[in-house]
Amino acid sequence: LRIDDSESTDAWKNYFDWLKARGLKGVDVVISDDHGGLVKAVQKAFQGATWQRCQAHFLRNVHDRPPKSLKHEGTEQVKAMLQAPNVKTV
């Protein structure tokens, strides 16, 4: 556990460097929320790794956008797309 006073790119980069110094290696995929500082730090610290947005955070954002009358239907449709077995089904 490590505490910092911000979620800046530098703070996240320092955290990732600390993890690597403790033995973290071979990172291929990073899944996180879409915080700008975090995403930029992932790109700097784990060059070549794939970044993917967390589906839970994505669904929360999708749910917050439409009018109240469409929230449930819209969220359920996006969930179905995320769970589809292939692109054709989506």
Protein backbone atom coordinates (compact mmCIF):
# COMPACT_ATOMS: atom_id res chain seq x y z
CA LEU A 1 0.00 0.00 0.00
CA ARG A 2 1.23 3.45 -0.85
CA ILE A 3 -0.41 6.83 -0.37
CA ASP A 4 0.08 9.93 -2.49
CA ASP A 5 -1.53 13.35 -2.46
CA SER A 6 -2.83 13.37 -6.04
CA GLU A 7 -3.80 11.22 -9.01
CA SER A 8 -1.44 13.00 -11.38
CA THR A 9 0.53 11.25 -14.10
CA ASP A 10 3.70 11.69 -12.04
CA ALA A 11 2.13 10.23 -8.90
CA TRP A 12 0.86 7.17 -10.77
CA LYS A 13 4.18 6.77 -12.62
CA ASN A 14 6.04 6.83 -9.28
CA TYR A 15 3.65 4.19 -7.94
CA PHE A 16 4.19 1.94 -10.95
CA ASP A 17 7.97 2.41 -10.69
CA TRP A 18 7.72 1.41 -7.00
CA LEU A 19 5.81 -1.75 -7.95
CA LYS A 20 8.40 -2.61 -10.60
CA ALA A 21 11.19 -2.09 -8.07
CA ARG A 22 9.38 -4.62 -5.85
CA GLY A 23 9.46 -7.18 -8.68
CA LEU A 24 6.47 -6.46 -10.92
CA LYS A 25 7.29 -7.41 -14.52
CA GLY A 26 5.69 -8.81 -17.63
CA VAL A 27 2.66 -6.50 -17.61
CA ASP A 28 0.66 -7.11 -20.78
CA VAL A 29 -2.73 -5.61 -19.92
CA VAL A 30 -3.81 -2.89 -17.51
CA ILE A 31 -7.51 -2.45 -16.73
CA SER A 32 -8.57 0.73 -14.95
CA ASP A 33 -10.94 3.65 -14.93
CA ASP A 34 -10.39 6.40 -17.50
CA HIS A 35 -8.56 8.86 -15.25
CA GLY A 36 -6.23 10.86 -17.51
CA GLY A 37 -3.24 10.80 -15.17
CA LEU A 38 -3.52 7.06 -14.67
CA VAL A 39 -3.83 6.25 -18.37
CA LYS A 40 -0.82 8.42 -19.28
CA ALA A 41 1.25 6.84 -16.52
CA VAL A 42 0.35 3.34 -17.75
CA GLN A 43 1.58 4.29 -21.22
CA LYS A 44 4.88 5.57 -19.79
CA ALA A 45 5.50 2.82 -17.24
CA PHE A 46 4.36 -0.21 -19.23
CA GLN A 47 5.33 0.50 -22.82
CA GLY A 48 3.78 -2.03 -25.14
CA ALA A 49 1.09 -3.05 -22.64
CA THR A 50 -2.56 -2.76 -23.64
CA TRP A 51 -4.81 -0.49 -21.62
CA GLN A 52 -8.50 -1.33 -21.30
CA ARG A 53 -11.19 0.69 -19.61
CA CYS A 54 -12.93 -1.02 -16.71
CA GLN A 55 -16.38 -2.16 -17.82
CA ALA A 56 -17.99 -1.31 -14.47
CA HIS A 57 -16.84 2.32 -14.68
CA PHE A 58 -17.85 2.45 -18.34
CA LEU A 59 -21.35 1.15 -17.55
CA ARG A 60 -21.76 3.70 -14.76
CA ASN A 61 -20.93 6.48 -17.21
CA VAL A 62 -23.31 5.06 -19.83
CA HIS A 63 -26.06 4.84 -17.21
CA ASP A 64 -25.58 8.51 -16.24
CA ARG A 65 -26.00 9.92 -19.77
CA PRO A 66 -29.50 9.18 -21.09
CA PRO A 67 -32.76 10.61 -19.79
CA LYS A 68 -34.22 8.77 -16.78
CA SER A 69 -36.82 7.00 -18.94
CA LEU A 70 -34.07 5.35 -21.05
CA LYS A 71 -31.43 4.61 -18.38
CA HIS A 72 -32.38 0.99 -17.72
CA GLU A 73 -32.89 0.04 -21.37
CA GLY A 74 -29.67 1.74 -22.48
CA THR A 75 -27.60 0.15 -19.76
CA GLU A 76 -29.03 -3.31 -20.52
CA GLN A 77 -28.27 -2.92 -24.24
CA VAL A 78 -24.66 -1.94 -23.56
CA LYS A 79 -24.29 -4.88 -21.12
CA ALA A 80 -25.55 -7.21 -23.85
CA MET A 81 -22.96 -5.81 -26.27
CA LEU A 82 -20.14 -6.24 -23.75
CA GLN A 83 -21.18 -9.85 -23.12
CA ALA A 84 -21.65 -10.77 -26.79
CA PRO A 85 -19.55 -13.73 -27.91
CA ASN A 86 -18.34 -12.01 -31.09
CA VAL A 87 -18.50 -8.78 -33.11
CA LYS A 88 -21.19 -10.10 -35.47
CA THR A 89 -23.54 -10.69 -32.53
CA VAL A 90 -22.96 -7.15 -31.23
